């Protein structure tokens, strides 16, 4: 857990903010694994020792950056829920795009998967309620996790300046919008067959 950077009045130290912003900029441009404490201190305009006044080590600082990014991503994903009438493809594009933007701040794809899976589950449930996708019961959570894993995996594997990576959120959104109907229809048919009913 990150060192406490709170001031007595509840605010955050300006130096701590500068350090977090500098670390985030460097992680986004180079990737967290390729950034050292000296790089962060230089970028923040502080002495290396100042970093250790706020963070025990590089891992502690990285966790603080990830927590800040996670908070921002969750806020952004919650805002997406305020637009429930948007087409499935647009929602998917927004969620995938948000995940791609913050992926370099995380050290493992699984961290990102855990953050975005609930948003994809909400998206699929919303599409089912609107009738855009057949109801699929428990398959929704599995499909949401699969979509989150595909997005997070692609965000980690493809280079940031890759044209394929730039186009991938839209392509995944189109694939999801077109292909999920078939996935959920197949799941609904399997449930119907298993229960001996013609419809679910």
N, C-alpha and C. Protein backbone atom coordinates (compact mmCIF):
# COMPACT_ATOMS: atom_id res chain seq x y z
N UNK A 1 0.84 -1.17 0.00
CA UNK A 1 0.00 0.00 0.00
C UNK A 1 0.89 1.24 0.00
N UNK A 2 0.47 2.25 -0.72
CA UNK A 2 1.27 3.46 -0.85
C UNK A 2 1.41 4.16 0.50
N UNK A 3 2.52 4.83 0.66
CA UNK A 3 2.73 5.61 1.87
C UNK A 3 1.68 6.70 1.95
N UNK A 4 1.39 7.16 3.16
CA UNK A 4 0.37 8.18 3.34
C UNK A 4 0.91 9.53 2.88
N UNK A 5 0.27 10.10 1.87
CA UNK A 5 0.69 11.39 1.34
C UNK A 5 -0.31 12.48 1.70
N UNK A 6 -1.22 12.19 2.62
CA UNK A 6 -2.25 13.16 3.02
C UNK A 6 -1.67 14.20 3.97
N UNK A 7 -2.10 15.43 3.77
CA UNK A 7 -1.74 16.51 4.67
C UNK A 7 -2.76 16.57 5.80
N UNK A 8 -2.45 17.28 6.89
CA UNK A 8 -3.39 17.35 8.01
C UNK A 8 -4.77 17.86 7.60
N UNK A 9 -4.85 18.74 6.59
CA UNK A 9 -6.16 19.26 6.16
C UNK A 9 -6.89 18.31 5.21
N UNK A 10 -6.32 17.12 4.96
CA UNK A 10 -6.98 16.14 4.09
C UNK A 10 -6.52 16.20 2.65
N UNK A 11 -5.81 17.25 2.29
CA UNK A 11 -5.31 17.36 0.92
C UNK A 11 -4.10 16.46 0.70
N UNK A 12 -3.63 16.44 -0.53
CA UNK A 12 -2.46 15.63 -0.86
C UNK A 12 -1.29 16.58 -1.11
N UNK A 13 -0.12 16.18 -0.67
CA UNK A 13 1.08 16.99 -0.84
C UNK A 13 1.31 17.31 -2.31
N UNK A 14 1.65 18.56 -2.63
CA UNK A 14 1.94 18.91 -4.03
C UNK A 14 3.08 18.06 -4.60
N UNK A 15 4.07 17.75 -3.77
CA UNK A 15 5.18 16.91 -4.24
C UNK A 15 4.68 15.52 -4.60
N UNK A 16 3.79 14.97 -3.78
CA UNK A 16 3.24 13.64 -4.06
C UNK A 16 2.48 13.66 -5.38
N UNK A 17 1.71 14.71 -5.62
CA UNK A 17 0.98 14.84 -6.88
C UNK A 17 1.95 14.90 -8.06
N UNK A 18 3.00 15.71 -7.92
CA UNK A 18 3.99 15.83 -8.99
C UNK A 18 4.65 14.48 -9.28
N UNK A 19 4.96 13.76 -8.23
CA UNK A 19 5.61 12.46 -8.38
C UNK A 19 4.68 11.48 -9.09
N UNK A 20 3.41 11.42 -8.65
CA UNK A 20 2.45 10.50 -9.29
C UNK A 20 2.23 10.86 -10.76
N UNK A 21 2.09 12.14 -11.03
CA UNK A 21 1.89 12.57 -12.43
C UNK A 21 3.10 12.24 -13.29
N UNK A 22 4.29 12.48 -12.75
CA UNK A 22 5.52 12.18 -13.49
C UNK A 22 5.64 10.68 -13.74
N UNK A 23 5.39 9.88 -12.72
CA UNK A 23 5.48 8.43 -12.87
C UNK A 23 4.47 7.94 -13.90
N UNK A 24 3.24 8.45 -13.84
CA UNK A 24 2.21 8.04 -14.80
C UNK A 24 2.62 8.40 -16.23
N UNK A 25 3.14 9.61 -16.41
CA UNK A 25 3.59 10.03 -17.77
C UNK A 25 4.65 9.08 -18.29
N UNK A 26 5.63 8.78 -17.45
CA UNK A 26 6.72 7.89 -17.88
C UNK A 26 6.23 6.47 -18.11
N UNK A 27 5.37 5.97 -17.24
CA UNK A 27 4.83 4.62 -17.42
C UNK A 27 4.05 4.54 -18.73
N UNK A 28 3.28 5.59 -19.02
CA UNK A 28 2.50 5.58 -20.26
C UNK A 28 3.38 5.65 -21.50
N UNK A 29 4.47 6.39 -21.41
CA UNK A 29 5.32 6.53 -22.59
C UNK A 29 6.32 5.39 -22.76
N UNK A 30 6.79 4.81 -21.65
CA UNK A 30 7.84 3.78 -21.74
C UNK A 30 7.41 2.40 -21.23
N UNK A 31 6.36 2.38 -20.42
CA UNK A 31 5.99 1.15 -19.74
C UNK A 31 6.64 1.13 -18.38
N UNK A 32 5.91 0.67 -17.38
CA UNK A 32 6.37 0.71 -15.99
C UNK A 32 7.67 -0.05 -15.78
N UNK A 33 7.87 -1.13 -16.49
CA UNK A 33 9.08 -1.95 -16.31
C UNK A 33 10.35 -1.24 -16.76
N UNK A 34 10.21 -0.21 -17.59
CA UNK A 34 11.37 0.48 -18.15
C UNK A 34 11.63 1.84 -17.52
N UNK A 35 11.04 2.07 -16.35
CA UNK A 35 11.18 3.36 -15.68
C UNK A 35 11.76 3.13 -14.29
N UNK A 36 12.81 3.87 -13.96
CA UNK A 36 13.43 3.77 -12.65
C UNK A 36 13.08 4.97 -11.78
N UNK A 37 13.44 4.88 -10.53
CA UNK A 37 13.16 5.97 -9.59
C UNK A 37 13.88 7.25 -10.00
N UNK A 38 15.09 7.13 -10.52
CA UNK A 38 15.81 8.33 -10.96
C UNK A 38 15.08 9.02 -12.11
N UNK A 39 14.53 8.21 -13.02
CA UNK A 39 13.77 8.78 -14.13
C UNK A 39 12.57 9.57 -13.61
N UNK A 40 11.88 8.99 -12.65
CA UNK A 40 10.69 9.63 -12.08
C UNK A 40 11.07 10.92 -11.36
N UNK A 41 12.14 10.87 -10.57
CA UNK A 41 12.58 12.07 -9.86
C UNK A 41 12.93 13.18 -10.85
N UNK A 42 13.66 12.83 -11.89
CA UNK A 42 14.04 13.82 -12.92
C UNK A 42 12.79 14.43 -13.55
N UNK A 43 11.85 13.57 -13.92
CA UNK A 43 10.61 14.04 -14.57
C UNK A 43 9.79 14.93 -13.63
N UNK A 44 9.78 14.60 -12.33
CA UNK A 44 9.01 15.37 -11.36
C UNK A 44 9.73 16.63 -10.90
N UNK A 45 11.04 16.70 -11.19
CA UNK A 45 11.81 17.86 -10.75
C UNK A 45 12.11 17.84 -9.26
N UNK A 46 12.26 16.64 -8.71
CA UNK A 46 12.58 16.51 -7.28
C UNK A 46 13.81 15.62 -7.14
N UNK A 47 14.38 15.64 -5.96
CA UNK A 47 15.52 14.76 -5.68
C UNK A 47 15.02 13.32 -5.50
N UNK A 48 15.88 12.38 -5.82
CA UNK A 48 15.51 10.97 -5.67
C UNK A 48 15.07 10.68 -4.23
N UNK A 49 15.76 11.28 -3.27
CA UNK A 49 15.41 11.07 -1.87
C UNK A 49 13.98 11.50 -1.54
N UNK A 50 13.51 12.52 -2.25
CA UNK A 50 12.14 13.00 -2.03
C UNK A 50 11.12 11.90 -2.34
N UNK A 51 11.40 11.09 -3.36
CA UNK A 51 10.49 9.99 -3.69
C UNK A 51 10.30 9.07 -2.49
N UNK A 52 11.42 8.83 -1.79
CA UNK A 52 11.37 7.90 -0.66
C UNK A 52 10.72 8.51 0.58
N UNK A 53 10.49 9.83 0.58
CA UNK A 53 9.71 10.44 1.66
C UNK A 53 8.24 10.03 1.55
N UNK A 54 7.81 9.70 0.33
CA UNK A 54 6.41 9.37 0.07
C UNK A 54 6.18 7.89 -0.21
N UNK A 55 7.16 7.22 -0.79
CA UNK A 55 6.99 5.83 -1.23
C UNK A 55 8.18 5.00 -0.78
N UNK A 56 7.91 3.81 -0.24
CA UNK A 56 8.98 2.96 0.29
C UNK A 56 9.96 2.52 -0.80
N UNK A 57 9.42 2.22 -1.99
CA UNK A 57 10.26 1.74 -3.09
C UNK A 57 9.49 1.89 -4.40
N UNK A 58 10.09 1.43 -5.47
CA UNK A 58 9.47 1.56 -6.79
C UNK A 58 8.13 0.84 -6.84
N UNK A 59 8.04 -0.32 -6.22
CA UNK A 59 6.78 -1.08 -6.22
C UNK A 59 5.67 -0.31 -5.50
N UNK A 60 6.02 0.36 -4.41
CA UNK A 60 5.05 1.15 -3.67
C UNK A 60 4.55 2.32 -4.52
N UNK A 61 5.45 2.98 -5.21
CA UNK A 61 5.08 4.08 -6.10
C UNK A 61 4.22 3.55 -7.25
N UNK A 62 4.61 2.43 -7.82
CA UNK A 62 3.83 1.85 -8.93
C UNK A 62 2.42 1.53 -8.47
N UNK A 63 2.28 0.98 -7.25
CA UNK A 63 0.94 0.69 -6.72
C UNK A 63 0.11 1.96 -6.59
N UNK A 64 0.74 3.04 -6.14
CA UNK A 64 0.02 4.31 -5.99
C UNK A 64 -0.45 4.82 -7.35
N UNK A 65 0.39 4.71 -8.36
CA UNK A 65 0.01 5.12 -9.71
C UNK A 65 -1.13 4.24 -10.21
N UNK A 66 -1.03 2.94 -9.97
CA UNK A 66 -2.08 2.01 -10.41
C UNK A 66 -3.39 2.28 -9.68
N UNK A 67 -3.33 2.58 -8.39
CA UNK A 67 -4.55 2.89 -7.64
C UNK A 67 -5.21 4.14 -8.20
N UNK A 68 -4.40 5.14 -8.49
CA UNK A 68 -4.94 6.37 -9.07
C UNK A 68 -5.56 6.10 -10.44
N UNK A 69 -4.87 5.31 -11.26
CA UNK A 69 -5.39 4.97 -12.58
C UNK A 69 -6.66 4.14 -12.46
N UNK A 70 -6.68 3.21 -11.51
CA UNK A 70 -7.87 2.37 -11.31
C UNK A 70 -9.07 3.22 -10.90
N UNK A 71 -8.84 4.16 -9.99
CA UNK A 71 -9.93 5.06 -9.58
C UNK A 71 -10.47 5.84 -10.77
N UNK A 72 -9.56 6.37 -11.58
CA UNK A 72 -9.98 7.13 -12.76
C UNK A 72 -10.72 6.26 -13.76
N UNK A 73 -10.23 5.04 -13.96
CA UNK A 73 -10.88 4.13 -14.90
C UNK A 73 -12.27 3.74 -14.40
N UNK A 74 -12.40 3.45 -13.13
CA UNK A 74 -13.71 3.09 -12.58
C UNK A 74 -14.68 4.25 -12.71
N UNK A 75 -14.22 5.48 -12.45
CA UNK A 75 -15.09 6.65 -12.64
C UNK A 75 -15.54 6.76 -14.09
N UNK A 76 -14.62 6.54 -14.99
CA UNK A 76 -14.93 6.62 -16.42
C UNK A 76 -15.91 5.53 -16.84
N UNK A 77 -15.73 4.33 -16.32
CA UNK A 77 -16.62 3.23 -16.66
C UNK A 77 -18.01 3.46 -16.07
N UNK A 78 -18.06 4.06 -14.89
CA UNK A 78 -19.37 4.39 -14.29
C UNK A 78 -20.09 5.45 -15.11
N UNK A 79 -19.34 6.40 -15.64
CA UNK A 79 -19.96 7.42 -16.50
C UNK A 79 -20.57 6.79 -17.74
N UNK A 80 -19.94 5.73 -18.22
CA UNK A 80 -20.45 5.04 -19.40
C UNK A 80 -21.86 4.48 -19.11
N UNK A 81 -22.10 4.12 -17.86
CA UNK A 81 -23.42 3.59 -17.49
C UNK A 81 -24.49 4.66 -17.55
N UNK A 82 -24.11 5.93 -17.57
CA UNK A 82 -25.09 7.01 -17.67
C UNK A 82 -25.65 7.15 -19.08
N UNK A 83 -25.13 6.38 -20.01
CA UNK A 83 -25.60 6.41 -21.40
C UNK A 83 -26.16 5.05 -21.81
N UNK A 84 -27.19 4.56 -21.12
CA UNK A 84 -27.64 3.20 -21.38
C UNK A 84 -28.27 3.00 -22.76
N UNK A 85 -28.68 4.04 -23.42
CA UNK A 85 -29.33 3.87 -24.72
C UNK A 85 -28.38 3.76 -25.89
N UNK A 86 -27.10 3.94 -25.66
CA UNK A 86 -26.13 3.88 -26.76
C UNK A 86 -26.05 2.47 -27.32
N UNK A 87 -25.75 2.36 -28.62
CA UNK A 87 -25.60 1.02 -29.20
C UNK A 87 -24.46 0.24 -28.54
N UNK A 88 -24.61 -1.08 -28.56
CA UNK A 88 -23.63 -1.98 -27.95
C UNK A 88 -22.22 -1.69 -28.46
N UNK A 89 -22.07 -1.48 -29.74
CA UNK A 89 -20.75 -1.24 -30.32
C UNK A 89 -20.11 0.02 -29.75
N UNK A 90 -20.88 1.07 -29.56
CA UNK A 90 -20.33 2.31 -29.01
C UNK A 90 -19.89 2.13 -27.56
N UNK A 91 -20.70 1.42 -26.77
CA UNK A 91 -20.30 1.14 -25.39
C UNK A 91 -19.01 0.33 -25.36
N UNK A 92 -18.97 -0.70 -26.17
CA UNK A 92 -17.80 -1.56 -26.20
C UNK A 92 -16.57 -0.76 -26.60
N UNK A 93 -16.72 0.09 -27.59
CA UNK A 93 -15.61 0.93 -28.05
C UNK A 93 -15.12 1.84 -26.93
N UNK A 94 -16.04 2.43 -26.18
CA UNK A 94 -15.65 3.31 -25.08
C UNK A 94 -14.91 2.54 -23.98
N UNK A 95 -15.42 1.35 -23.63
CA UNK A 95 -14.78 0.56 -22.58
C UNK A 95 -13.40 0.07 -23.01
N UNK A 96 -13.32 -0.44 -24.23
CA UNK A 96 -12.03 -0.94 -24.73
C UNK A 96 -11.03 0.21 -24.86
N UNK A 97 -11.48 1.34 -25.35
CA UNK A 97 -10.60 2.50 -25.48
C UNK A 97 -10.05 2.97 -24.14
N UNK A 98 -10.92 2.99 -23.13
CA UNK A 98 -10.48 3.40 -21.79
C UNK A 98 -9.45 2.42 -21.24
N UNK A 99 -9.68 1.14 -21.46
CA UNK A 99 -8.72 0.13 -20.99
C UNK A 99 -7.38 0.26 -21.70
N UNK A 100 -7.40 0.51 -23.01
CA UNK A 100 -6.16 0.66 -23.77
C UNK A 100 -5.36 1.86 -23.27
N UNK A 101 -6.05 2.92 -22.90
CA UNK A 101 -5.35 4.14 -22.46
C UNK A 101 -4.57 3.92 -21.16
N UNK A 102 -5.13 3.16 -20.24
CA UNK A 102 -4.47 3.00 -18.94
C UNK A 102 -3.64 1.73 -18.81
N UNK A 103 -3.71 0.84 -19.77
CA UNK A 103 -2.99 -0.44 -19.67
C UNK A 103 -1.51 -0.29 -19.34
N UNK A 104 -0.78 0.67 -19.92
CA UNK A 104 0.65 0.76 -19.60
C UNK A 104 0.95 1.08 -18.14
N UNK A 105 -0.04 1.51 -17.40
CA UNK A 105 0.18 1.83 -15.99
C UNK A 105 0.17 0.59 -15.10
N UNK A 106 -0.26 -0.53 -15.66
CA UNK A 106 -0.38 -1.76 -14.88
C UNK A 106 0.73 -2.72 -15.26
N UNK A 107 1.15 -3.52 -14.29
CA UNK A 107 2.24 -4.44 -14.54
C UNK A 107 1.76 -5.80 -15.05
N UNK A 108 0.50 -6.12 -14.84
CA UNK A 108 -0.04 -7.41 -15.25
C UNK A 108 -1.41 -7.22 -15.91
N UNK A 109 -1.70 -7.95 -16.98
CA UNK A 109 -3.02 -7.84 -17.62
C UNK A 109 -4.16 -8.20 -16.66
N UNK A 110 -3.91 -9.13 -15.74
CA UNK A 110 -4.98 -9.57 -14.83
C UNK A 110 -5.52 -8.42 -13.98
N UNK A 111 -4.65 -7.47 -13.63
CA UNK A 111 -5.11 -6.30 -12.86
C UNK A 111 -6.16 -5.53 -13.65
N UNK A 112 -5.92 -5.37 -14.93
CA UNK A 112 -6.84 -4.65 -15.79
C UNK A 112 -8.11 -5.47 -16.02
N UNK A 113 -7.96 -6.77 -16.19
CA UNK A 113 -9.13 -7.66 -16.37
C UNK A 113 -10.08 -7.51 -15.19
N UNK A 114 -9.53 -7.53 -13.98
CA UNK A 114 -10.36 -7.41 -12.78
C UNK A 114 -11.11 -6.08 -12.74
N UNK A 115 -10.49 -5.02 -13.22
CA UNK A 115 -11.13 -3.71 -13.20
C UNK A 115 -12.24 -3.59 -14.25
N UNK A 116 -12.04 -4.15 -15.42
CA UNK A 116 -12.99 -3.91 -16.51
C UNK A 116 -14.06 -4.99 -16.66
N UNK A 117 -13.87 -6.15 -16.04
CA UNK A 117 -14.89 -7.22 -16.17
C UNK A 117 -16.27 -6.76 -15.70
N UNK A 118 -16.40 -6.08 -14.54
CA UNK A 118 -17.75 -5.64 -14.15
C UNK A 118 -18.40 -4.70 -15.15
N UNK A 119 -17.60 -3.86 -15.81
CA UNK A 119 -18.17 -2.95 -16.81
C UNK A 119 -18.66 -3.73 -18.02
N UNK A 120 -17.92 -4.73 -18.44
CA UNK A 120 -18.39 -5.55 -19.56
C UNK A 120 -19.63 -6.36 -19.17
N UNK A 121 -19.69 -6.84 -17.93
CA UNK A 121 -20.88 -7.57 -17.48
C UNK A 121 -22.10 -6.65 -17.52
N UNK A 122 -21.94 -5.43 -17.02
CA UNK A 122 -23.04 -4.47 -17.07
C UNK A 122 -23.47 -4.23 -18.51
N UNK A 123 -22.49 -4.05 -19.39
CA UNK A 123 -22.78 -3.79 -20.80
C UNK A 123 -23.60 -4.93 -21.41
N UNK A 124 -23.21 -6.16 -21.15
CA UNK A 124 -23.93 -7.32 -21.70
C UNK A 124 -25.32 -7.44 -21.10
N UNK A 125 -25.43 -7.21 -19.79
CA UNK A 125 -26.75 -7.27 -19.14
C UNK A 125 -27.68 -6.20 -19.70
N UNK A 126 -27.15 -5.01 -19.91
CA UNK A 126 -27.93 -3.91 -20.47
C UNK A 126 -28.41 -4.27 -21.88
N UNK A 127 -27.52 -4.84 -22.69
CA UNK A 127 -27.89 -5.24 -24.05
C UNK A 127 -28.96 -6.34 -24.03
N UNK A 128 -28.88 -7.23 -23.05
CA UNK A 128 -29.90 -8.28 -22.92
C UNK A 128 -31.25 -7.69 -22.52
N UNK A 129 -31.24 -6.74 -21.59
CA UNK A 129 -32.48 -6.10 -21.16
C UNK A 129 -33.15 -5.34 -22.30
N UNK A 130 -32.33 -4.71 -23.15
CA UNK A 130 -32.87 -3.96 -24.29
C UNK A 130 -33.32 -4.87 -25.43
N UNK A 131 -32.93 -6.13 -25.35
CA UNK A 131 -33.28 -7.06 -26.43
C UNK A 131 -32.25 -7.11 -27.54
N UNK A 132 -31.12 -6.44 -27.36
CA UNK A 132 -30.05 -6.47 -28.37
C UNK A 132 -29.34 -7.82 -28.38
N UNK A 133 -29.35 -8.51 -27.24
CA UNK A 133 -28.76 -9.84 -27.11
C UNK A 133 -29.77 -10.75 -26.42
N UNK A 134 -29.79 -12.03 -26.80
CA UNK A 134 -30.66 -12.97 -26.08
C UNK A 134 -30.20 -13.11 -24.63
N UNK A 135 -31.11 -13.43 -23.75
CA UNK A 135 -30.75 -13.66 -22.35
C UNK A 135 -29.94 -14.95 -22.25
N UNK A 136 -28.88 -14.90 -21.47
CA UNK A 136 -28.00 -16.06 -21.39
C UNK A 136 -27.69 -16.49 -19.97
N UNK A 137 -28.35 -15.91 -19.00
CA UNK A 137 -28.15 -16.34 -17.62
C UNK A 137 -26.72 -16.20 -17.16
N UNK A 138 -26.17 -17.29 -16.66
CA UNK A 138 -24.85 -17.26 -16.06
C UNK A 138 -23.71 -17.09 -17.05
N UNK A 139 -23.99 -17.27 -18.33
CA UNK A 139 -22.94 -17.10 -19.34
C UNK A 139 -22.48 -15.65 -19.42
N UNK A 140 -23.30 -14.72 -18.99
CA UNK A 140 -22.96 -13.30 -19.09
C UNK A 140 -21.64 -13.00 -18.38
N UNK A 141 -21.47 -13.49 -17.17
CA UNK A 141 -20.24 -13.24 -16.42
C UNK A 141 -19.02 -13.83 -17.10
N UNK A 142 -19.16 -15.03 -17.65
CA UNK A 142 -18.04 -15.67 -18.34
C UNK A 142 -17.67 -14.92 -19.61
N UNK A 143 -18.68 -14.50 -20.36
CA UNK A 143 -18.41 -13.77 -21.60
C UNK A 143 -17.81 -12.41 -21.27
N UNK A 144 -18.29 -11.76 -20.21
CA UNK A 144 -17.73 -10.47 -19.80
C UNK A 144 -16.26 -10.62 -19.45
N UNK A 145 -15.92 -11.65 -18.71
CA UNK A 145 -14.52 -11.87 -18.34
C UNK A 145 -13.67 -12.17 -19.57
N UNK A 146 -14.23 -12.95 -20.51
CA UNK A 146 -13.50 -13.26 -21.74
C UNK A 146 -13.23 -11.98 -22.54
N UNK A 147 -14.25 -11.12 -22.67
CA UNK A 147 -14.05 -9.86 -23.40
C UNK A 147 -13.00 -8.99 -22.70
N UNK A 148 -13.08 -8.91 -21.38
CA UNK A 148 -12.10 -8.13 -20.62
C UNK A 148 -10.70 -8.68 -20.82
N UNK A 149 -10.57 -10.01 -20.83
CA UNK A 149 -9.26 -10.64 -21.01
C UNK A 149 -8.71 -10.37 -22.41
N UNK A 150 -9.56 -10.41 -23.42
CA UNK A 150 -9.12 -10.13 -24.79
C UNK A 150 -8.64 -8.68 -24.89
N UNK A 151 -9.42 -7.77 -24.35
CA UNK A 151 -9.05 -6.35 -24.41
C UNK A 151 -7.77 -6.10 -23.63
N UNK A 152 -7.69 -6.61 -22.41
CA UNK A 152 -6.48 -6.39 -21.59
C UNK A 152 -5.27 -7.05 -22.23
N UNK A 153 -5.43 -8.26 -22.72
CA UNK A 153 -4.32 -8.95 -23.38
C UNK A 153 -3.81 -8.18 -24.57
N UNK A 154 -4.72 -7.71 -25.41
CA UNK A 154 -4.32 -6.93 -26.58
C UNK A 154 -3.63 -5.64 -26.17
N UNK A 155 -4.14 -5.01 -25.12
CA UNK A 155 -3.55 -3.76 -24.65
C UNK A 155 -2.12 -3.98 -24.16
N UNK A 156 -1.82 -5.16 -23.62
CA UNK A 156 -0.49 -5.45 -23.11
C UNK A 156 0.46 -5.94 -24.19
N UNK A 157 -0.05 -6.65 -25.18
CA UNK A 157 0.80 -7.29 -26.18
C UNK A 157 1.17 -6.37 -27.33
N UNK A 158 0.20 -5.60 -27.80
CA UNK A 158 0.46 -4.76 -28.98
C UNK A 158 1.15 -3.47 -28.58
N UNK A 159 2.17 -3.05 -29.33
CA UNK A 159 2.86 -1.79 -29.01
C UNK A 159 1.92 -0.60 -29.13
N UNK A 160 2.16 0.42 -28.30
CA UNK A 160 1.28 1.59 -28.25
C UNK A 160 1.20 2.32 -29.58
N UNK A 161 2.26 2.29 -30.38
CA UNK A 161 2.25 3.02 -31.65
C UNK A 161 1.86 2.14 -32.83
N UNK A 162 1.31 0.98 -32.56
CA UNK A 162 0.94 0.02 -33.59
C UNK A 162 -0.42 0.39 -34.19
N UNK A 163 -0.50 0.40 -35.51
CA UNK A 163 -1.75 0.74 -36.20
C UNK A 163 -2.83 -0.30 -35.89
N UNK A 164 -2.43 -1.55 -35.74
CA UNK A 164 -3.40 -2.60 -35.40
C UNK A 164 -4.01 -2.32 -34.04
N UNK A 165 -3.17 -1.91 -33.09
CA UNK A 165 -3.68 -1.60 -31.75
C UNK A 165 -4.65 -0.43 -31.80
N UNK A 166 -4.35 0.56 -32.61
CA UNK A 166 -5.24 1.71 -32.73
C UNK A 166 -6.61 1.32 -33.27
N UNK A 167 -6.63 0.38 -34.20
CA UNK A 167 -7.89 -0.05 -34.82
C UNK A 167 -8.61 -1.13 -34.02
N UNK A 168 -7.89 -1.80 -33.14
CA UNK A 168 -8.44 -2.97 -32.46
C UNK A 168 -9.69 -2.70 -31.63
N UNK A 169 -9.77 -1.63 -30.84
CA UNK A 169 -11.01 -1.44 -30.07
C UNK A 169 -12.25 -1.40 -30.97
N UNK A 170 -12.17 -0.71 -32.09
CA UNK A 170 -13.32 -0.65 -32.99
C UNK A 170 -13.61 -2.02 -33.60
N UNK A 171 -12.56 -2.74 -33.99
CA UNK A 171 -12.76 -4.07 -34.57
C UNK A 171 -13.35 -5.03 -33.54
N UNK A 172 -12.86 -4.97 -32.31
CA UNK A 172 -13.41 -5.81 -31.26
C UNK A 172 -14.86 -5.43 -30.97
N UNK A 173 -15.14 -4.13 -31.01
CA UNK A 173 -16.51 -3.68 -30.77
C UNK A 173 -17.45 -4.23 -31.85
N UNK A 174 -17.02 -4.18 -33.09
CA UNK A 174 -17.85 -4.70 -34.18
C UNK A 174 -18.03 -6.20 -34.05
N UNK A 175 -16.94 -6.91 -33.74
CA UNK A 175 -17.01 -8.35 -33.55
C UNK A 175 -17.95 -8.69 -32.40
N UNK A 176 -17.81 -7.96 -31.30
CA UNK A 176 -18.65 -8.22 -30.14
C UNK A 176 -20.12 -7.97 -30.48
N UNK A 177 -20.38 -6.85 -31.12
CA UNK A 177 -21.77 -6.51 -31.45
C UNK A 177 -22.39 -7.54 -32.38
N UNK A 178 -21.62 -8.03 -33.32
CA UNK A 178 -22.15 -9.00 -34.29
C UNK A 178 -22.11 -10.42 -33.74
N UNK A 179 -21.02 -10.77 -33.07
CA UNK A 179 -20.83 -12.15 -32.66
C UNK A 179 -21.50 -12.54 -31.36
N UNK A 180 -21.72 -11.58 -30.47
CA UNK A 180 -22.30 -11.93 -29.18
C UNK A 180 -23.73 -12.43 -29.30
N UNK A 181 -24.46 -11.94 -30.28
CA UNK A 181 -25.83 -12.43 -30.47
C UNK A 181 -25.81 -13.93 -30.68
N UNK A 182 -24.87 -14.41 -31.50
CA UNK A 182 -24.75 -15.84 -31.75
C UNK A 182 -24.31 -16.60 -30.51
N UNK A 183 -23.37 -16.05 -29.77
CA UNK A 183 -22.90 -16.70 -28.54
C UNK A 183 -24.05 -16.84 -27.56
N UNK A 184 -24.78 -15.74 -27.33
CA UNK A 184 -25.86 -15.78 -26.36
C UNK A 184 -27.04 -16.60 -26.86
N UNK A 185 -27.32 -16.58 -28.16
CA UNK A 185 -28.40 -17.39 -28.71
C UNK A 185 -28.07 -18.87 -28.53
N UNK A 186 -26.81 -19.25 -28.76
CA UNK A 186 -26.38 -20.63 -28.56
C UNK A 186 -26.49 -21.05 -27.12
N UNK A 187 -26.10 -20.17 -26.21
CA UNK A 187 -26.20 -20.46 -24.77
C UNK A 187 -27.67 -20.62 -24.37
N UNK A 188 -28.52 -19.73 -24.87
CA UNK A 188 -29.94 -19.82 -24.54
C UNK A 188 -30.53 -21.12 -25.07
N UNK A 189 -30.12 -21.53 -26.26
CA UNK A 189 -30.61 -22.80 -26.83
C UNK A 189 -30.15 -23.98 -25.99
N UNK A 190 -28.91 -23.96 -25.51
CA UNK A 190 -28.41 -25.05 -24.67
C UNK A 190 -29.17 -25.13 -23.36
N UNK A 191 -29.47 -23.97 -22.77
CA UNK A 191 -30.22 -23.96 -21.52
C UNK A 191 -31.63 -24.49 -21.77
N UNK A 192 -32.24 -24.09 -22.87
CA UNK A 192 -33.59 -24.55 -23.21
C UNK A 192 -33.60 -26.05 -23.41
N UNK A 193 -32.60 -26.59 -24.11
CA UNK A 193 -32.52 -28.02 -24.35
C UNK A 193 -32.31 -28.78 -23.04
N UNK A 194 -31.47 -28.22 -22.17
CA UNK A 194 -31.17 -28.89 -20.92
C UNK A 194 -32.38 -28.92 -19.98
N UNK A 195 -33.23 -27.90 -20.07
CA UNK A 195 -34.39 -27.86 -19.20
C UNK A 195 -35.62 -28.48 -19.86
N UNK A 196 -35.48 -28.87 -21.12
CA UNK A 196 -36.58 -29.52 -21.82
C UNK A 196 -37.66 -28.55 -22.27
N UNK A 197 -37.31 -27.25 -22.33
CA UNK A 197 -38.28 -26.25 -22.79
C UNK A 197 -37.84 -25.71 -24.13
N UNK A 198 -38.76 -25.24 -24.88
CA UNK A 198 -38.48 -24.70 -26.20
C UNK A 198 -37.99 -23.27 -26.18
N UNK A 199 -38.17 -22.55 -25.07
CA UNK A 199 -37.68 -21.18 -24.99
C UNK A 199 -37.19 -20.88 -23.60
N UNK A 200 -36.39 -19.86 -23.51
CA UNK A 200 -35.81 -19.48 -22.22
C UNK A 200 -36.41 -18.18 -21.79
